[in-house]
């Protein structure tokens, strides 16, 4: 069974491994940088539309982040 913690771990890793700052990611997503910080520091998952765009920006597969691959 896939857990929220596993998804958050992969999402956080993808954000930290990217060459982008939190502010750059937030600007591209057109959201507040505090929201992106929340993905790193709190147990907050993005909304589905934001998640899809975030995966695209980070160059990672949503299947990977969701532990499906």
N, C-alpha and C. Protein backbone atom coordinates (compact mmCIF):
# COMPACT_ATOMS: atom_id res chain seq x y z
N UNK A 1 0.84 -1.18 0.00
CA UNK A 1 0.00 0.00 0.00
C UNK A 1 0.89 1.24 0.00
N UNK A 2 0.53 2.20 -0.81
CA UNK A 2 1.29 3.45 -0.93
C UNK A 2 0.83 4.40 0.17
N UNK A 3 1.80 5.01 0.84
CA UNK A 3 1.45 5.93 1.92
C UNK A 3 1.69 7.38 1.51
N UNK A 4 1.00 8.27 2.18
CA UNK A 4 1.19 9.70 1.95
C UNK A 4 2.64 10.08 2.23
N UNK A 5 3.22 9.47 3.24
CA UNK A 5 4.61 9.75 3.59
C UNK A 5 5.58 9.42 2.47
N UNK A 6 5.34 8.30 1.79
CA UNK A 6 6.20 7.91 0.67
C UNK A 6 6.09 8.91 -0.48
N UNK A 7 4.87 9.35 -0.75
CA UNK A 7 4.66 10.33 -1.82
C UNK A 7 5.33 11.65 -1.46
N UNK A 8 5.16 12.09 -0.22
CA UNK A 8 5.80 13.33 0.23
C UNK A 8 7.32 13.23 0.14
N UNK A 9 7.85 12.09 0.51
CA UNK A 9 9.30 11.90 0.45
C UNK A 9 9.82 12.05 -0.97
N UNK A 10 9.13 11.43 -1.92
CA UNK A 10 9.56 11.54 -3.32
C UNK A 10 9.35 12.95 -3.86
N UNK A 11 8.25 13.58 -3.48
CA UNK A 11 7.99 14.96 -3.93
C UNK A 11 9.06 15.90 -3.39
N UNK A 12 9.35 15.78 -2.11
CA UNK A 12 10.39 16.62 -1.49
C UNK A 12 11.74 16.39 -2.17
N UNK A 13 12.06 15.13 -2.43
CA UNK A 13 13.32 14.82 -3.10
C UNK A 13 13.41 15.45 -4.47
N UNK A 14 12.32 15.40 -5.22
CA UNK A 14 12.31 15.99 -6.56
C UNK A 14 12.47 17.51 -6.50
N UNK A 15 11.83 18.13 -5.52
CA UNK A 15 11.97 19.59 -5.37
C UNK A 15 13.41 19.94 -5.01
N UNK A 16 13.97 19.23 -4.04
CA UNK A 16 15.33 19.52 -3.59
C UNK A 16 16.38 19.18 -4.64
N UNK A 17 16.12 18.17 -5.47
CA UNK A 17 17.07 17.78 -6.51
C UNK A 17 17.02 18.69 -7.74
N UNK A 18 15.96 19.47 -7.84
CA UNK A 18 15.85 20.36 -9.00
C UNK A 18 16.83 21.52 -8.85
N UNK A 19 17.10 22.17 -9.95
CA UNK A 19 17.97 23.34 -9.93
C UNK A 19 17.19 24.62 -9.65
N UNK A 20 15.95 24.47 -9.23
CA UNK A 20 15.06 25.61 -9.03
C UNK A 20 14.95 25.96 -7.55
N UNK A 21 14.80 27.25 -7.27
CA UNK A 21 14.55 27.69 -5.91
C UNK A 21 13.05 27.57 -5.63
N UNK A 22 12.71 27.65 -4.37
CA UNK A 22 11.29 27.63 -3.99
C UNK A 22 10.56 28.78 -4.67
N UNK A 23 11.18 29.95 -4.72
CA UNK A 23 10.55 31.11 -5.35
C UNK A 23 10.35 30.89 -6.85
N UNK A 24 11.31 30.28 -7.51
CA UNK A 24 11.17 30.01 -8.95
C UNK A 24 10.04 29.01 -9.21
N UNK A 25 9.96 27.98 -8.38
CA UNK A 25 8.88 27.00 -8.54
C UNK A 25 7.54 27.67 -8.31
N UNK A 26 7.44 28.47 -7.26
CA UNK A 26 6.18 29.16 -6.95
C UNK A 26 5.78 30.10 -8.08
N UNK A 27 6.75 30.83 -8.63
CA UNK A 27 6.46 31.74 -9.74
C UNK A 27 5.92 30.99 -10.95
N UNK A 28 6.53 29.87 -11.26
CA UNK A 28 6.08 29.08 -12.42
C UNK A 28 4.69 28.49 -12.20
N UNK A 29 4.40 28.14 -10.94
CA UNK A 29 3.08 27.58 -10.62
C UNK A 29 2.04 28.67 -10.37
N UNK A 30 2.51 29.91 -10.24
CA UNK A 30 1.64 31.05 -9.94
C UNK A 30 0.93 30.85 -8.59
N UNK A 31 1.74 30.40 -7.61
CA UNK A 31 1.24 30.24 -6.25
C UNK A 31 2.24 30.91 -5.30
N UNK A 32 1.84 31.09 -4.07
CA UNK A 32 2.69 31.71 -3.06
C UNK A 32 3.83 30.76 -2.70
N UNK A 33 5.01 31.31 -2.48
CA UNK A 33 6.16 30.48 -2.13
C UNK A 33 5.98 29.75 -0.80
N UNK A 34 5.11 30.27 0.07
CA UNK A 34 4.83 29.60 1.34
C UNK A 34 4.12 28.27 1.11
N UNK A 35 3.36 28.19 0.04
CA UNK A 35 2.68 26.94 -0.29
C UNK A 35 3.71 25.89 -0.70
N UNK A 36 4.66 26.28 -1.53
CA UNK A 36 5.72 25.35 -1.94
C UNK A 36 6.55 24.94 -0.73
N UNK A 37 6.84 25.89 0.14
CA UNK A 37 7.56 25.57 1.38
C UNK A 37 6.78 24.55 2.21
N UNK A 38 5.47 24.66 2.18
CA UNK A 38 4.62 23.72 2.90
C UNK A 38 4.76 22.30 2.40
N UNK A 39 5.02 22.14 1.10
CA UNK A 39 5.24 20.80 0.56
C UNK A 39 6.52 20.20 1.13
N UNK A 40 7.49 21.06 1.45
CA UNK A 40 8.76 20.59 1.99
C UNK A 40 8.74 20.41 3.50
N UNK A 41 8.03 21.26 4.19
CA UNK A 41 8.13 21.31 5.65
C UNK A 41 6.93 20.75 6.39
N UNK A 42 5.81 20.61 5.72
CA UNK A 42 4.59 20.12 6.36
C UNK A 42 4.07 18.92 5.58
N UNK A 43 3.09 18.27 6.10
CA UNK A 43 2.49 17.11 5.41
C UNK A 43 1.38 17.56 4.48
N UNK A 44 1.73 18.45 3.55
CA UNK A 44 0.76 19.02 2.62
C UNK A 44 1.08 18.50 1.22
N UNK A 45 0.06 17.96 0.57
CA UNK A 45 0.19 17.55 -0.82
C UNK A 45 -0.49 18.60 -1.70
N UNK A 46 0.05 18.85 -2.89
CA UNK A 46 -0.58 19.81 -3.78
C UNK A 46 -1.91 19.29 -4.32
N UNK A 47 -2.75 20.24 -4.71
CA UNK A 47 -4.00 19.91 -5.41
C UNK A 47 -3.63 19.19 -6.72
N UNK A 48 -4.52 18.37 -7.25
CA UNK A 48 -4.19 17.60 -8.46
C UNK A 48 -3.67 18.43 -9.63
N UNK A 49 -4.26 19.59 -9.89
CA UNK A 49 -3.79 20.41 -11.01
C UNK A 49 -2.41 20.99 -10.73
N UNK A 50 -2.17 21.40 -9.51
CA UNK A 50 -0.85 21.92 -9.12
C UNK A 50 0.17 20.78 -9.16
N UNK A 51 -0.23 19.61 -8.68
CA UNK A 51 0.66 18.45 -8.70
C UNK A 51 1.11 18.13 -10.12
N UNK A 52 0.19 18.10 -11.06
CA UNK A 52 0.52 17.80 -12.46
C UNK A 52 1.50 18.83 -13.01
N UNK A 53 1.24 20.10 -12.76
CA UNK A 53 2.13 21.16 -13.24
C UNK A 53 3.48 21.11 -12.53
N UNK A 54 3.48 20.79 -11.25
CA UNK A 54 4.73 20.69 -10.49
C UNK A 54 5.60 19.56 -11.05
N UNK A 55 5.01 18.43 -11.33
CA UNK A 55 5.76 17.32 -11.92
C UNK A 55 6.38 17.74 -13.25
N UNK A 56 5.61 18.46 -14.06
CA UNK A 56 6.11 18.94 -15.34
C UNK A 56 7.28 19.89 -15.15
N UNK A 57 7.14 20.83 -14.24
CA UNK A 57 8.21 21.81 -13.97
C UNK A 57 9.47 21.12 -13.47
N UNK A 58 9.30 20.12 -12.61
CA UNK A 58 10.44 19.42 -12.03
C UNK A 58 11.02 18.37 -12.96
N UNK A 59 10.28 18.05 -14.03
CA UNK A 59 10.76 17.05 -14.99
C UNK A 59 10.72 15.63 -14.44
N UNK A 60 9.72 15.36 -13.59
CA UNK A 60 9.57 14.02 -13.04
C UNK A 60 8.19 13.48 -13.39
N UNK A 61 8.10 12.19 -13.41
CA UNK A 61 6.84 11.52 -13.71
C UNK A 61 5.93 11.52 -12.49
N UNK A 62 4.66 11.81 -12.70
CA UNK A 62 3.69 11.72 -11.61
C UNK A 62 3.61 10.28 -11.10
N UNK A 63 3.78 9.31 -11.99
CA UNK A 63 3.79 7.91 -11.57
C UNK A 63 4.92 7.64 -10.59
N UNK A 64 6.08 8.23 -10.84
CA UNK A 64 7.21 8.05 -9.92
C UNK A 64 6.90 8.66 -8.56
N UNK A 65 6.42 9.91 -8.55
CA UNK A 65 6.13 10.58 -7.29
C UNK A 65 5.06 9.81 -6.50
N UNK A 66 4.09 9.25 -7.21
CA UNK A 66 3.02 8.50 -6.56
C UNK A 66 3.39 7.05 -6.27
N UNK A 67 4.67 6.72 -6.43
CA UNK A 67 5.18 5.38 -6.13
C UNK A 67 4.54 4.30 -6.99
N UNK A 68 4.18 4.65 -8.21
CA UNK A 68 3.60 3.68 -9.13
C UNK A 68 4.64 3.08 -10.07
N UNK A 69 5.82 3.69 -10.09
CA UNK A 69 6.93 3.17 -10.92
C UNK A 69 8.19 3.21 -10.11
